[in-house]
C-alpha cells in the first residue's frame, strides 16, 4: 500500500532513547528477562518504566525492581491476547502505582531500529503503541 510513498520523517529508537522515551534494560535486568524466557534485547517505554519506578519507590508495598519486572515478564508470557503477529496485550498487577493496580501492557517484537533488523522486545502502555 505504501510502497511508492516517500518517507517524510522517521523517529529512530536511538532518538527515543536519547529523548528519554525508551530504555534498554541493562545486563542484570536483561538476564532477568532471559530467565523469564526472552532471548532478545528488551526495551521499555517511559510509561512502563514509570510504573515500575513508582511501584519500587512506594515503600508501603515493599516492591523491588526484579520482582516488578519479573511479574511483567511472566504475565506477558503466560497470559494475554495476540493483537497481530508481533503485538500482544496482557494485564499485570503492579501494586504501589496509585488507585489502579491492574495495568494493560503491550509487548511487541520488532527490529531494534531502522538500520538494525535484529529482533527485540518493546514493552509499552496502550497509548504509547
N, C-alpha and C. Protein backbone atom coordinates (compact mmCIF):
# COMPACT_ATOMS: atom_id res chain seq x y z
N UNK A 1 0.80 -1.19 0.00
CA UNK A 1 0.00 0.00 0.00
C UNK A 1 0.86 1.27 0.00
N UNK A 2 1.96 1.26 0.74
CA UNK A 2 2.79 2.45 0.85
C UNK A 2 4.12 2.29 0.10
N UNK A 3 4.21 1.30 -0.76
CA UNK A 3 5.47 1.02 -1.44
C UNK A 3 6.00 2.20 -2.25
N UNK A 4 5.14 2.95 -2.89
CA UNK A 4 5.57 4.05 -3.74
C UNK A 4 5.56 5.39 -3.02
N UNK A 5 5.36 5.38 -1.73
CA UNK A 5 5.27 6.64 -0.98
C UNK A 5 6.65 7.08 -0.51
N UNK A 6 6.82 8.38 -0.48
CA UNK A 6 8.06 8.95 0.00
C UNK A 6 8.01 9.04 1.53
N UNK A 7 9.08 8.63 2.20
CA UNK A 7 9.17 8.75 3.65
C UNK A 7 9.53 10.19 3.96
N UNK A 8 8.70 10.84 4.75
CA UNK A 8 8.95 12.25 5.04
C UNK A 8 9.58 12.45 6.42
N UNK A 9 9.46 11.44 7.29
CA UNK A 9 10.04 11.59 8.62
C UNK A 9 10.16 10.22 9.28
N UNK A 10 11.25 9.99 9.98
CA UNK A 10 11.41 8.79 10.80
C UNK A 10 11.89 9.23 12.19
N UNK A 11 11.51 8.47 13.18
CA UNK A 11 11.95 8.69 14.54
C UNK A 11 12.56 7.38 15.00
N UNK A 12 13.85 7.36 15.18
CA UNK A 12 14.54 6.12 15.46
C UNK A 12 14.47 5.77 16.95
N UNK A 13 14.72 4.50 17.22
CA UNK A 13 14.79 4.07 18.62
C UNK A 13 15.93 4.80 19.32
N UNK A 14 17.04 4.98 18.61
CA UNK A 14 18.19 5.69 19.19
C UNK A 14 17.76 7.09 19.64
N UNK A 15 16.97 7.79 18.83
CA UNK A 15 16.47 9.11 19.20
C UNK A 15 15.53 9.02 20.40
N UNK A 16 14.68 7.98 20.43
CA UNK A 16 13.75 7.80 21.54
C UNK A 16 14.51 7.57 22.84
N UNK A 17 15.60 6.82 22.78
CA UNK A 17 16.43 6.58 23.97
C UNK A 17 17.09 7.89 24.40
N UNK A 18 17.65 8.63 23.44
CA UNK A 18 18.28 9.91 23.76
C UNK A 18 17.28 10.88 24.38
N UNK A 19 16.02 10.84 23.92
CA UNK A 19 14.98 11.73 24.42
C UNK A 19 14.37 11.23 25.73
N UNK A 20 14.76 10.05 26.20
CA UNK A 20 14.22 9.50 27.44
C UNK A 20 12.86 8.86 27.29
N UNK A 21 12.44 8.56 26.07
CA UNK A 21 11.14 7.95 25.85
C UNK A 21 11.19 6.43 25.85
N UNK A 22 12.37 5.87 25.69
CA UNK A 22 12.56 4.42 25.78
C UNK A 22 13.85 4.13 26.53
N UNK A 23 13.90 2.93 27.12
CA UNK A 23 15.05 2.50 27.88
C UNK A 23 15.38 1.06 27.50
N UNK A 24 16.65 0.76 27.34
CA UNK A 24 17.06 -0.63 27.13
C UNK A 24 17.48 -1.17 28.49
N UNK A 25 16.99 -2.36 28.81
CA UNK A 25 17.36 -2.97 30.08
C UNK A 25 18.81 -3.41 30.02
N UNK A 26 19.57 -3.03 31.03
CA UNK A 26 20.99 -3.36 31.09
C UNK A 26 21.24 -4.81 31.43
N UNK A 27 22.48 -5.14 31.63
CA UNK A 27 22.93 -6.52 31.75
C UNK A 27 22.16 -7.35 32.79
N UNK A 28 22.11 -6.87 34.03
CA UNK A 28 21.46 -7.65 35.10
C UNK A 28 19.97 -7.82 34.82
N UNK A 29 19.32 -6.76 34.37
CA UNK A 29 17.89 -6.84 34.09
C UNK A 29 17.63 -7.62 32.81
N UNK A 30 18.54 -7.55 31.86
CA UNK A 30 18.42 -8.37 30.65
C UNK A 30 18.53 -9.85 31.02
N UNK A 31 19.36 -10.16 32.00
CA UNK A 31 19.49 -11.55 32.47
C UNK A 31 18.17 -12.02 33.07
N UNK A 32 17.49 -11.15 33.79
CA UNK A 32 16.18 -11.49 34.36
C UNK A 32 15.18 -11.79 33.24
N UNK A 33 15.20 -10.98 32.19
CA UNK A 33 14.31 -11.22 31.04
C UNK A 33 14.65 -12.56 30.39
N UNK A 34 15.93 -12.89 30.32
CA UNK A 34 16.34 -14.17 29.75
C UNK A 34 15.85 -15.34 30.62
N UNK A 35 15.93 -15.18 31.93
CA UNK A 35 15.44 -16.22 32.84
C UNK A 35 13.93 -16.40 32.69
N UNK A 36 13.23 -15.34 32.29
CA UNK A 36 11.79 -15.41 32.08
C UNK A 36 11.45 -16.01 30.71
N UNK A 37 12.48 -16.27 29.90
CA UNK A 37 12.26 -16.92 28.61
C UNK A 37 12.48 -16.06 27.39
N UNK A 38 12.93 -14.83 27.58
CA UNK A 38 13.17 -13.94 26.44
C UNK A 38 14.64 -13.95 26.06
N UNK A 39 14.92 -14.15 24.78
CA UNK A 39 16.31 -14.24 24.34
C UNK A 39 16.79 -13.00 23.60
N UNK A 40 15.91 -12.03 23.39
CA UNK A 40 16.28 -10.83 22.64
C UNK A 40 16.39 -9.63 23.58
N UNK A 41 17.05 -8.57 23.13
CA UNK A 41 17.12 -7.36 23.95
C UNK A 41 15.72 -6.86 24.30
N UNK A 42 15.60 -6.26 25.49
CA UNK A 42 14.31 -5.78 25.98
C UNK A 42 14.39 -4.26 26.19
N UNK A 43 13.39 -3.59 25.64
CA UNK A 43 13.22 -2.15 25.80
C UNK A 43 11.90 -1.89 26.50
N UNK A 44 11.83 -0.78 27.22
CA UNK A 44 10.58 -0.34 27.83
C UNK A 44 10.39 1.12 27.51
N UNK A 45 9.14 1.48 27.32
CA UNK A 45 8.83 2.89 27.12
C UNK A 45 8.89 3.61 28.46
N UNK A 46 8.93 4.92 28.40
CA UNK A 46 8.98 5.70 29.64
C UNK A 46 7.73 5.48 30.48
N UNK A 47 6.59 5.19 29.85
CA UNK A 47 5.36 4.95 30.59
C UNK A 47 5.44 3.69 31.43
N UNK A 48 5.91 2.60 30.85
CA UNK A 48 6.04 1.34 31.59
C UNK A 48 7.13 1.49 32.66
N UNK A 49 8.25 2.08 32.28
CA UNK A 49 9.34 2.26 33.24
C UNK A 49 8.88 3.15 34.39
N UNK A 50 8.03 4.13 34.11
CA UNK A 50 7.48 4.99 35.15
C UNK A 50 6.64 4.21 36.15
N UNK A 51 5.83 3.27 35.66
CA UNK A 51 5.05 2.41 36.56
C UNK A 51 5.97 1.58 37.44
N UNK A 52 7.03 1.02 36.83
CA UNK A 52 7.98 0.20 37.59
C UNK A 52 8.62 1.03 38.69
N UNK A 53 9.10 2.22 38.33
CA UNK A 53 9.75 3.08 39.32
C UNK A 53 8.78 3.49 40.43
N UNK A 54 7.54 3.82 40.06
CA UNK A 54 6.55 4.22 41.05
C UNK A 54 6.31 3.08 42.05
N UNK A 55 6.19 1.87 41.54
CA UNK A 55 5.96 0.71 42.41
C UNK A 55 7.14 0.46 43.33
N UNK A 56 8.34 0.56 42.79
CA UNK A 56 9.55 0.29 43.59
C UNK A 56 9.75 1.39 44.64
N UNK A 57 9.44 2.62 44.30
CA UNK A 57 9.65 3.74 45.23
C UNK A 57 8.56 3.85 46.28
N UNK A 58 7.46 3.12 46.13
CA UNK A 58 6.38 3.14 47.11
C UNK A 58 6.72 2.14 48.22
N UNK A 59 7.26 2.62 49.30
CA UNK A 59 7.74 1.74 50.39
C UNK A 59 6.61 0.96 51.07
N UNK A 60 5.38 1.44 50.97
CA UNK A 60 4.25 0.77 51.61
C UNK A 60 4.06 -0.65 51.05
N UNK A 61 4.37 -0.87 49.77
CA UNK A 61 4.10 -2.16 49.15
C UNK A 61 5.32 -3.08 49.07
N UNK A 62 6.48 -2.60 49.50
CA UNK A 62 7.70 -3.43 49.57
C UNK A 62 8.06 -4.10 48.25
N UNK A 63 7.86 -3.41 47.14
CA UNK A 63 8.24 -3.95 45.83
C UNK A 63 9.73 -3.75 45.61
N UNK A 64 10.35 -4.68 44.91
CA UNK A 64 11.72 -4.46 44.45
C UNK A 64 11.73 -4.54 42.93
N UNK A 65 12.78 -4.00 42.34
CA UNK A 65 12.86 -3.87 40.89
C UNK A 65 12.74 -5.23 40.19
N UNK A 66 13.50 -6.20 40.64
CA UNK A 66 13.46 -7.51 40.00
C UNK A 66 12.08 -8.16 40.10
N UNK A 67 11.42 -7.98 41.24
CA UNK A 67 10.10 -8.57 41.42
C UNK A 67 9.06 -7.96 40.49
N UNK A 68 9.06 -6.64 40.37
CA UNK A 68 8.09 -5.98 39.48
C UNK A 68 8.35 -6.38 38.03
N UNK A 69 9.62 -6.36 37.62
CA UNK A 69 9.94 -6.75 36.24
C UNK A 69 9.60 -8.21 35.99
N UNK A 70 9.87 -9.08 36.97
CA UNK A 70 9.54 -10.49 36.81
C UNK A 70 8.04 -10.67 36.58
N UNK A 71 7.22 -9.95 37.34
CA UNK A 71 5.78 -10.04 37.16
C UNK A 71 5.38 -9.64 35.73
N UNK A 72 5.98 -8.57 35.23
CA UNK A 72 5.67 -8.11 33.87
C UNK A 72 6.09 -9.17 32.86
N UNK A 73 7.32 -9.66 32.97
CA UNK A 73 7.80 -10.66 32.02
C UNK A 73 6.97 -11.94 32.08
N UNK A 74 6.70 -12.42 33.28
CA UNK A 74 5.97 -13.67 33.45
C UNK A 74 4.56 -13.55 32.86
N UNK A 75 3.84 -12.49 33.22
CA UNK A 75 2.47 -12.34 32.74
C UNK A 75 2.43 -12.15 31.23
N UNK A 76 3.46 -11.54 30.67
CA UNK A 76 3.49 -11.37 29.21
C UNK A 76 3.65 -12.72 28.50
N UNK A 77 4.21 -13.67 29.19
CA UNK A 77 4.41 -14.99 28.56
C UNK A 77 3.23 -15.93 28.76
N UNK A 78 2.55 -15.84 29.91
CA UNK A 78 1.54 -16.86 30.23
C UNK A 78 0.10 -16.42 30.01
N UNK A 79 -0.12 -15.15 29.74
CA UNK A 79 -1.48 -14.67 29.57
C UNK A 79 -1.52 -13.61 28.48
N UNK A 80 -2.70 -13.19 28.13
CA UNK A 80 -2.83 -12.10 27.18
C UNK A 80 -3.43 -12.54 25.86
N UNK A 81 -3.50 -11.58 24.97
CA UNK A 81 -4.12 -11.80 23.67
C UNK A 81 -3.22 -11.23 22.57
N UNK A 82 -2.97 -12.04 21.56
CA UNK A 82 -2.21 -11.57 20.40
C UNK A 82 -3.11 -10.63 19.60
N UNK A 83 -2.64 -9.41 19.34
CA UNK A 83 -3.40 -8.43 18.58
C UNK A 83 -3.05 -8.50 17.09
N UNK A 84 -1.83 -8.95 16.80
CA UNK A 84 -1.39 -9.25 15.44
C UNK A 84 -0.16 -10.15 15.56
N UNK A 85 0.55 -10.37 14.48
CA UNK A 85 1.68 -11.30 14.50
C UNK A 85 2.82 -10.88 15.42
N UNK A 86 2.90 -9.61 15.76
CA UNK A 86 4.04 -9.14 16.54
C UNK A 86 3.66 -8.39 17.82
N UNK A 87 2.37 -8.25 18.10
CA UNK A 87 1.94 -7.44 19.24
C UNK A 87 0.98 -8.23 20.13
N UNK A 88 1.29 -8.24 21.42
CA UNK A 88 0.47 -8.95 22.40
C UNK A 88 0.08 -7.99 23.52
N UNK A 89 -1.17 -8.06 23.94
CA UNK A 89 -1.66 -7.28 25.08
C UNK A 89 -1.86 -8.22 26.26
N UNK A 90 -1.50 -7.77 27.44
CA UNK A 90 -1.69 -8.59 28.65
C UNK A 90 -1.92 -7.66 29.84
N UNK A 91 -2.51 -8.21 30.88
CA UNK A 91 -2.73 -7.47 32.12
C UNK A 91 -1.77 -7.98 33.18
N UNK A 92 -1.31 -7.06 34.02
CA UNK A 92 -0.41 -7.42 35.11
C UNK A 92 -0.78 -6.58 36.33
N UNK A 93 -0.70 -7.20 37.50
CA UNK A 93 -0.93 -6.47 38.74
C UNK A 93 0.39 -5.87 39.20
N UNK A 94 0.37 -4.56 39.36
CA UNK A 94 1.54 -3.84 39.90
C UNK A 94 1.01 -2.97 41.03
N UNK A 95 1.30 -3.36 42.25
CA UNK A 95 0.82 -2.57 43.39
C UNK A 95 1.76 -1.39 43.63
N UNK A 96 1.22 -0.37 44.27
CA UNK A 96 2.02 0.80 44.58
C UNK A 96 2.08 1.83 43.46
N UNK A 97 1.13 1.73 42.53
CA UNK A 97 1.12 2.66 41.39
C UNK A 97 -0.10 3.56 41.41
N UNK A 98 -0.69 3.75 42.58
CA UNK A 98 -1.88 4.58 42.68
C UNK A 98 -3.11 3.71 42.89
N UNK A 99 -4.28 4.27 42.60
CA UNK A 99 -5.53 3.55 42.85
C UNK A 99 -5.66 2.31 41.98
N UNK A 100 -5.19 2.39 40.77
CA UNK A 100 -5.33 1.25 39.87
C UNK A 100 -4.12 0.35 40.02
N UNK A 101 -4.37 -0.94 40.22
CA UNK A 101 -3.25 -1.86 40.35
C UNK A 101 -3.15 -2.83 39.17
N UNK A 102 -4.21 -2.98 38.38
CA UNK A 102 -4.16 -3.83 37.20
C UNK A 102 -3.87 -2.94 35.99
N UNK A 103 -2.79 -3.25 35.30
CA UNK A 103 -2.36 -2.43 34.17
C UNK A 103 -2.31 -3.27 32.89
N UNK A 104 -2.80 -2.71 31.81
CA UNK A 104 -2.67 -3.34 30.50
C UNK A 104 -1.36 -2.87 29.89
N UNK A 105 -0.58 -3.83 29.45
CA UNK A 105 0.71 -3.54 28.83
C UNK A 105 0.76 -4.30 27.51
N UNK A 106 1.41 -3.72 26.55
CA UNK A 106 1.66 -4.38 25.27
C UNK A 106 3.13 -4.77 25.19
N UNK A 107 3.39 -5.89 24.54
CA UNK A 107 4.77 -6.25 24.21
C UNK A 107 4.80 -6.51 22.71
N UNK A 108 5.78 -5.89 22.05
CA UNK A 108 5.90 -6.01 20.60
C UNK A 108 7.27 -6.55 20.25
N UNK A 109 7.29 -7.48 19.33
CA UNK A 109 8.54 -8.00 18.79
C UNK A 109 8.76 -7.32 17.44
N UNK A 110 9.89 -6.66 17.31
CA UNK A 110 10.19 -5.97 16.06
C UNK A 110 11.68 -5.71 15.96
N UNK A 111 12.10 -4.99 14.94
CA UNK A 111 13.53 -4.70 14.77
C UNK A 111 14.03 -3.73 15.83
N UNK A 112 15.31 -3.81 16.12
CA UNK A 112 15.91 -2.89 17.08
C UNK A 112 15.77 -1.45 16.58
N UNK A 113 16.02 -1.23 15.31
CA UNK A 113 15.89 0.11 14.74
C UNK A 113 15.82 0.01 13.23
N UNK A 114 15.66 1.14 12.57
CA UNK A 114 15.55 1.18 11.11
C UNK A 114 16.78 0.57 10.44
N UNK A 115 17.95 0.80 11.02
CA UNK A 115 19.19 0.31 10.42
C UNK A 115 19.70 -0.98 11.06
N UNK A 116 18.91 -1.56 11.96
CA UNK A 116 19.31 -2.80 12.63
C UNK A 116 18.09 -3.73 12.71
N UNK A 117 18.01 -4.70 11.80
CA UNK A 117 16.83 -5.57 11.76
C UNK A 117 16.81 -6.68 12.80
N UNK A 118 17.82 -6.74 13.67
CA UNK A 118 17.81 -7.79 14.69
C UNK A 118 16.58 -7.61 15.58
N UNK A 119 15.98 -8.72 16.04
CA UNK A 119 14.75 -8.62 16.84
C UNK A 119 15.00 -8.12 18.25
N UNK A 120 13.98 -7.48 18.78
CA UNK A 120 13.98 -7.06 20.18
C UNK A 120 12.53 -7.02 20.65
N UNK A 121 12.34 -6.86 21.94
CA UNK A 121 11.01 -6.73 22.52
C UNK A 121 10.87 -5.33 23.12
N UNK A 122 9.70 -4.75 22.92
CA UNK A 122 9.41 -3.45 23.49
C UNK A 122 8.13 -3.55 24.30
N UNK A 123 8.21 -3.22 25.58
CA UNK A 123 7.06 -3.20 26.46
C UNK A 123 6.56 -1.75 26.52
N UNK A 124 5.23 -1.58 26.29
CA UNK A 124 4.66 -0.24 26.21
C UNK A 124 3.24 -0.22 26.75
N UNK A 125 2.78 0.96 27.10
CA UNK A 125 1.39 1.15 27.50
C UNK A 125 0.54 1.29 26.25
N UNK A 126 -0.77 1.01 26.34
CA UNK A 126 -1.62 1.09 25.15
C UNK A 126 -1.56 2.42 24.42
N UNK A 127 -1.46 3.53 25.14
CA UNK A 127 -1.42 4.82 24.45
C UNK A 127 -0.04 5.17 23.89
N UNK A 128 0.92 4.30 24.10
CA UNK A 128 2.27 4.50 23.55
C UNK A 128 2.49 3.65 22.31
N UNK A 129 1.50 2.90 21.91
CA UNK A 129 1.63 2.00 20.76
C UNK A 129 1.54 2.77 19.47
